[in-house]
Structures are given as structure tokens and as C-alpha cells.
Amino acid sequence: MTSTESAGSGNVARSLELLWGSGERPSRGPKPGLTLDRIITTAVALADAEGLDAVSMRRLSTELGTGTMSLYRYVPGKAELIDLMLNQVQGETAALTESLDPGSGWRPAAEAMARAALALHRRHPWLLSVNQARPVLGPNTVSGLEKTLSAIKGMGLSDPELISVIIMVEGYVTGVARTHVHAVEAEKRSGITDQEFWQAQEPVLSRAMNSGVYPVMASLSEEAFGPEFDHFEFGLQRILDGLEVLVERRAAERDTAG
């Protein structure tokens, strides 16, 4: 993974202007065919292919076939550009959030949210290199949050608890996504597959398991560490099971109070 960048670390007012449509056009000298949307799309594609470290105003100008100073007429710098990139990729989940039906129940909505977030991180591994503790909220992000909250509102939880549900699910997804991205990067850097890596350790581990020192580990079935088991889905369902207990408890409390 690349070094960490931070959302909201630039000129927040300027980022907001660009995100919400009041700063699209440069005041003078625009290059024909160069638009803010094209700049953002090119930056996302570059980050997808080479990582966030590859994204610079100079490199973007090369990719776009324009002078570096032309880009500064559209966006102040990389910090603000990252805010715009984050908002753009969040728009990829628009089709999913549009389909979320509050009438279908909160659990299918939470499942869909989690799967969409995992797919987003796998398409854009550089997201894990951005510190999003203080994001600048653009229209795509706000729209997604609005639709997600509408779909899980029926849980009957307090407003802070609803936000906590989203934080909980997204935190779980981020952890799973990070493990996946690290595995992919390890294979690229080492030049050996995951299977080859573990096969290299097999002789030593077999002796350790046969020593009698690790009886529980030695008793595990062959598929315990196999790729067939869907750890993501197992963990997600257990989180939702726990939330379901809370939702049922709150409903019972309301019935009793009523």
C-alpha cells in the first residue's frame, strides 16, 4: 500500500465549491476538452493502476496532455483532488443505493451496503491509503448516506445508534478489504503465489503439529484454513445477528412501555 493521504487536508472551502458545483469552470484560459470531471476520472484511473503515490499534478498533466498550470485552474492541488476522487468513486454505489427499499427490512439493506463497500475497496485499493477520519462530504457521499439511513431507519434505534451501525459495518468491511489488498500486494512484491508461500512452510509446520505441543492446532481439519470458507460472509452475518437481537429487544421495550 502507498503512504497515507488525508481527506479534508486541503482548502476545505474550495473542495466544497468544487464538489457541490460552484467551482467547475476556471476563470480564464481553459484548455479545450479539459474538464474537472476528466481530471478526476483520470486521477482515479491512475490511482487504480499505480497507487495513490503515482497521482501528482505533474503526472496528471502528462496523462491529460496539458500543462501542469492548466490543472491548477481547475483544482488547487492534490489534497483537494483527493476529496473529489473520493466523492466520485462513492458514486459507483449509486445504482445499489437507489435500489434499497426501506420496506424490505433493514437487514437486506445492511448486507447490500457491506457487499457494495467491499466491492468498492477491491476496485479501488488506494482507498485504504486515505485517512477518511475527516472527510469533505460531497453529493455522492451524502446521497448514499441518505439512502442507507432511510433503508435502516426501521431498526427503531436512536439516531446516534443508526450512525454507529453504519460505522460498525464499514469498519468490518475495511478490515476485510485491507487483508485482501495486503495479500494481493504480497504476491506482487514477492513473485510467489499464496499457495507457494504456505507450501514452503509446510515441512516445518508439520513437524511442529506432530510434536504434540499444539494439540488444538493439530486437530483442525484440512479445510480450516482453506479458501472455500467465506469468512467475510460469516463475519457479516454474525454482526447482523447481534444487531437483530438489539432491534428485537428495543421493540419489546417499546411494546412494554406502550
Protein backbone atom coordinates (compact mmCIF):
# COMPACT_ATOMS: atom_id res chain seq x y z
CA MET A 1 0.00 0.00 0.00
CA THR A 2 1.05 3.58 -0.53
CA SER A 3 1.77 6.16 2.15
CA THR A 4 -1.31 7.64 3.79
CA GLU A 5 -3.01 10.77 2.45
CA SER A 6 -5.72 12.57 4.38
CA ALA A 7 -9.15 13.63 3.23
CA GLY A 8 -10.06 17.20 4.12
CA SER A 9 -6.42 18.26 4.44
CA GLY A 10 -6.55 20.97 1.79
CA ASN A 11 -8.66 24.07 1.30
CA VAL A 12 -11.99 22.74 2.59
CA ALA A 13 -13.98 25.69 1.27
CA ARG A 14 -12.55 25.20 -2.22
CA SER A 15 -13.20 21.44 -2.10
CA LEU A 16 -16.81 22.11 -1.17
CA GLU A 17 -17.20 24.57 -4.04
CA LEU A 18 -15.90 22.02 -6.50
CA LEU A 19 -17.91 19.15 -5.04
CA TRP A 20 -21.22 20.98 -5.00
CA GLY A 21 -20.89 22.60 -8.40
CA SER A 22 -19.97 26.21 -7.75
CA GLY A 23 -16.34 25.94 -8.87
CA GLU A 24 -16.42 23.88 -12.08
CA ARG A 25 -15.10 26.39 -14.60
CA PRO A 26 -11.74 28.14 -14.41
CA SER A 27 -11.89 31.90 -14.66
CA ARG A 28 -9.65 32.11 -17.71
CA GLY A 29 -7.79 30.17 -20.32
CA PRO A 30 -9.40 26.71 -20.19
CA LYS A 31 -7.84 24.12 -22.44
CA PRO A 32 -10.42 22.76 -24.92
CA GLY A 33 -11.60 19.33 -23.82
CA LEU A 34 -10.17 19.66 -20.32
CA THR A 35 -12.85 19.49 -17.63
CA LEU A 36 -12.88 18.91 -13.91
CA ASP A 37 -14.67 15.60 -14.43
CA ARG A 38 -11.99 14.42 -16.87
CA ILE A 39 -9.25 15.38 -14.43
CA ILE A 40 -10.90 13.45 -11.59
CA THR A 41 -11.62 10.40 -13.78
CA THR A 42 -8.00 10.30 -14.97
CA ALA A 43 -6.73 10.64 -11.40
CA VAL A 44 -8.91 7.74 -10.23
CA ALA A 45 -7.75 5.55 -13.13
CA LEU A 46 -4.12 6.37 -12.35
CA ALA A 47 -4.57 5.58 -8.65
CA ASP A 48 -6.30 2.29 -9.53
CA ALA A 49 -3.42 1.26 -11.80
CA GLU A 50 -0.39 2.50 -9.87
CA GLY A 51 -1.49 3.57 -6.41
CA LEU A 52 -2.13 6.94 -4.85
CA ASP A 53 1.56 7.87 -4.77
CA ALA A 54 1.50 7.98 -8.57
CA VAL A 55 -1.10 10.74 -8.55
CA SER A 56 0.52 14.16 -8.78
CA MET A 57 -0.39 17.31 -10.65
CA ARG A 58 2.66 16.87 -12.87
CA ARG A 59 1.83 13.25 -13.70
CA LEU A 60 -1.81 14.13 -14.35
CA SER A 61 -0.81 16.87 -16.75
CA THR A 62 1.23 14.32 -18.68
CA GLU A 63 -1.67 11.85 -18.79
CA LEU A 64 -4.04 14.60 -19.94
CA GLY A 65 -1.62 16.11 -22.44
CA THR A 66 -1.69 19.57 -20.91
CA GLY A 67 0.50 21.86 -18.88
CA THR A 68 0.60 21.49 -15.13
CA MET A 69 -0.51 25.07 -14.62
CA SER A 70 -3.67 24.36 -16.62
CA LEU A 71 -4.74 21.85 -13.94
CA TYR A 72 -4.37 24.42 -11.18
CA ARG A 73 -7.06 26.49 -12.88
CA TYR A 74 -9.47 23.65 -12.09
CA VAL A 75 -8.27 22.23 -8.77
CA PRO A 76 -5.84 23.81 -6.22
CA GLY A 77 -3.75 20.70 -5.60
CA LYS A 78 -3.60 17.03 -4.68
CA ALA A 79 -5.31 17.45 -1.30
CA GLU A 80 -8.45 18.87 -2.88
CA LEU A 81 -8.20 16.39 -5.75
CA ILE A 82 -8.38 13.50 -3.27
CA ASP A 83 -11.64 14.94 -1.88
CA LEU A 84 -13.04 14.95 -5.41
CA MET A 85 -11.78 11.43 -6.15
CA LEU A 86 -13.42 10.06 -3.01
CA ASN A 87 -16.75 11.59 -3.95
CA GLN A 88 -16.53 10.24 -7.49
CA VAL A 89 -15.93 6.62 -6.53
CA GLN A 90 -18.74 6.80 -3.98
CA GLY A 91 -20.98 7.47 -6.95
CA GLU A 92 -20.32 3.93 -8.16
CA THR A 93 -22.65 2.62 -5.47
CA ALA A 94 -25.47 4.88 -6.67
CA ALA A 95 -27.26 2.06 -8.51
CA LEU A 96 -27.23 -0.04 -5.35
CA THR A 97 -28.43 2.70 -3.03
CA GLU A 98 -31.17 3.61 -5.47
CA SER A 99 -32.45 0.04 -5.22
CA LEU A 100 -32.51 -0.05 -1.42
CA ASP A 101 -36.12 -0.47 -0.35
CA PRO A 102 -36.98 0.58 3.21
CA GLY A 103 -39.92 -1.82 3.00
CA SER A 104 -37.67 -4.85 2.54
CA GLY A 105 -36.22 -4.51 6.02
CA TRP A 106 -33.01 -3.19 7.49
CA ARG A 107 -31.03 -6.43 7.29
CA PRO A 108 -31.01 -6.80 3.49
CA ALA A 109 -30.07 -3.13 3.28
CA ALA A 110 -27.13 -3.58 5.66
CA GLU A 111 -25.99 -6.66 3.75
CA ALA A 112 -26.14 -4.78 0.45
CA MET A 113 -24.25 -1.84 1.96
CA ALA A 114 -21.47 -4.13 3.20
CA ARG A 115 -21.08 -6.02 -0.07
CA ALA A 116 -21.04 -2.82 -2.10
CA ALA A 117 -18.39 -1.31 0.18
CA LEU A 118 -16.20 -4.41 -0.15
CA ALA A 119 -16.52 -4.38 -3.93
CA LEU A 120 -15.63 -0.68 -3.96
CA HIS A 121 -12.44 -1.26 -1.97
CA ARG A 122 -11.42 -4.12 -4.24
CA ARG A 123 -11.90 -1.96 -7.33
CA HIS A 124 -10.03 0.94 -5.74
CA PRO A 125 -7.39 -0.42 -3.31
CA TRP A 126 -5.97 3.09 -2.88
CA LEU A 127 -8.99 3.97 -0.73
CA LEU A 128 -7.22 2.22 2.14
CA SER A 129 -4.38 4.73 1.77
CA VAL A 130 -6.64 7.68 2.54
CA ASN A 131 -7.28 8.74 6.11
CA GLN A 132 -11.01 9.48 6.00
CA ALA A 133 -11.46 10.46 9.63
CA ARG A 134 -12.41 13.98 8.45
CA PRO A 135 -13.96 13.66 5.00
CA VAL A 136 -15.27 16.57 2.98
CA LEU A 137 -18.79 15.42 2.18
CA GLY A 138 -19.76 15.66 -1.46
CA PRO A 139 -23.12 14.96 -3.13
CA ASN A 140 -22.43 11.30 -3.87
CA THR A 141 -21.39 10.57 -0.30
CA VAL A 142 -24.33 12.46 1.20
CA SER A 143 -26.79 10.82 -1.21
CA GLY A 144 -25.51 7.36 -0.33
CA LEU A 145 -25.73 8.11 3.37
CA GLU A 146 -29.27 9.43 2.97
CA LYS A 147 -30.46 6.30 1.18
CA THR A 148 -28.70 3.96 3.60
CA LEU A 149 -30.21 5.69 6.62
CA SER A 150 -33.64 5.59 5.00
CA ALA A 151 -33.26 1.84 4.46
CA ILE A 152 -32.18 1.05 8.04
CA LYS A 153 -34.38 3.59 9.82
CA GLY A 154 -36.85 0.82 10.55
CA MET A 155 -34.42 -0.73 13.05
CA GLY A 156 -36.04 1.54 15.63
CA LEU A 157 -32.71 2.67 17.07
CA SER A 158 -31.73 6.16 18.11
CA ASP A 159 -30.06 8.44 15.57
CA PRO A 160 -26.56 8.03 17.08
CA GLU A 161 -27.07 4.26 17.09
CA LEU A 162 -28.04 4.25 13.41
CA ILE A 163 -24.82 6.09 12.57
CA SER A 164 -22.97 3.58 14.75
CA VAL A 165 -24.47 0.71 12.74
CA ILE A 166 -23.00 2.21 9.57
CA ILE A 167 -19.64 2.79 11.25
CA MET A 168 -19.62 -0.78 12.58
CA VAL A 169 -20.37 -2.39 9.22
CA GLU A 170 -17.98 -0.16 7.30
CA GLY A 171 -15.23 -0.80 9.86
CA TYR A 172 -15.67 -4.55 9.43
CA VAL A 173 -15.60 -4.23 5.65
CA THR A 174 -12.47 -2.08 5.74
CA GLY A 175 -10.66 -4.70 7.80
CA VAL A 176 -11.57 -7.48 5.37
CA ALA A 177 -10.66 -5.31 2.40
CA ARG A 178 -7.28 -4.45 3.92
CA THR A 179 -6.46 -8.15 4.39
CA HIS A 180 -7.36 -8.82 0.75
CA VAL A 181 -5.33 -5.89 -0.57
CA HIS A 182 -2.32 -6.85 1.56
CA ALA A 183 -2.47 -10.41 0.19
CA VAL A 184 -2.54 -9.18 -3.40
CA GLU A 185 0.36 -6.80 -2.77
CA ALA A 186 2.40 -9.52 -1.04
CA GLU A 187 2.05 -11.78 -4.06
CA LYS A 188 3.06 -8.99 -6.44
CA ARG A 189 6.10 -7.99 -4.44
CA SER A 190 7.36 -11.50 -3.67
CA GLY A 191 6.63 -13.06 -7.04
CA ILE A 192 5.28 -16.22 -5.39
CA THR A 193 1.67 -17.25 -5.03
CA ASP A 194 -0.15 -17.64 -1.73
CA GLN A 195 -0.17 -21.40 -2.24
CA GLU A 196 3.59 -21.50 -2.86
CA PHE A 197 4.19 -19.38 0.23
CA TRP A 198 2.37 -21.79 2.54
CA GLN A 199 3.82 -24.86 0.84
CA ALA A 200 7.29 -23.55 1.69
CA GLN A 201 6.35 -23.59 5.39
CA GLU A 202 4.64 -26.98 5.31
CA PRO A 203 7.63 -29.18 6.37
CA VAL A 204 8.41 -27.09 9.46
CA LEU A 205 4.76 -26.69 10.42
CA SER A 206 4.10 -30.43 10.02
CA ARG A 207 6.90 -31.23 12.47
CA ALA A 208 5.51 -28.67 14.90
CA MET A 209 2.00 -30.14 14.69
CA ASN A 210 3.33 -33.67 15.15
CA SER A 211 5.29 -32.66 18.25
CA GLY A 212 2.24 -32.76 20.50
CA VAL A 213 2.88 -29.23 21.75
CA TYR A 214 -0.04 -27.77 19.80
CA PRO A 215 -2.87 -30.32 20.16
CA VAL A 216 -5.74 -28.00 19.26
CA MET A 217 -4.00 -26.69 16.14
CA ALA A 218 -3.05 -30.25 15.16
CA SER A 219 -6.66 -31.39 15.47
CA LEU A 220 -8.00 -28.86 12.99
CA SER A 221 -9.41 -30.22 9.73
CA GLU A 222 -7.64 -29.62 6.44
CA GLU A 223 -10.30 -27.13 5.35
CA ALA A 224 -9.88 -24.95 8.46
CA PHE A 225 -7.58 -22.59 6.57
CA GLY A 226 -8.93 -23.39 3.11
CA PRO A 227 -10.11 -20.75 0.65
CA GLU A 228 -13.57 -22.30 0.30
CA PHE A 229 -14.93 -20.85 3.54
CA ASP A 230 -16.39 -17.37 3.11
CA HIS A 231 -15.00 -15.57 6.15
CA PHE A 232 -16.43 -12.24 5.04
CA GLU A 233 -19.98 -13.55 4.82
CA PHE A 234 -19.68 -15.46 8.10
CA GLY A 235 -18.49 -12.39 9.97
CA LEU A 236 -21.06 -10.12 8.37
CA GLN A 237 -23.94 -12.39 9.30
CA ARG A 238 -22.76 -12.63 12.91
CA ILE A 239 -22.63 -8.83 13.17
CA LEU A 240 -26.15 -8.61 11.78
CA ASP A 241 -27.32 -11.37 14.13
CA GLY A 242 -26.12 -9.30 17.05
CA LEU A 243 -27.87 -6.21 15.74
CA GLU A 244 -31.05 -8.21 15.28
CA VAL A 245 -31.02 -9.14 18.95
CA LEU A 246 -30.78 -5.43 19.81
CA VAL A 247 -33.58 -4.50 17.40
CA GLU A 248 -35.87 -7.16 18.89
CA ARG A 249 -35.02 -6.03 22.43
CA ARG A 250 -35.83 -2.40 21.62
CA ALA A 251 -39.12 -3.42 20.02
CA ALA A 252 -40.05 -5.41 23.14
CA GLU A 253 -39.17 -2.44 25.35
CA ARG A 254 -41.41 -0.16 23.28
CA ASP A 255 -44.27 -2.67 23.50
CA THR A 256 -43.88 -2.87 27.26
CA ALA A 257 -43.71 0.92 27.64
CA GLY A 258 -46.73 1.37 25.37
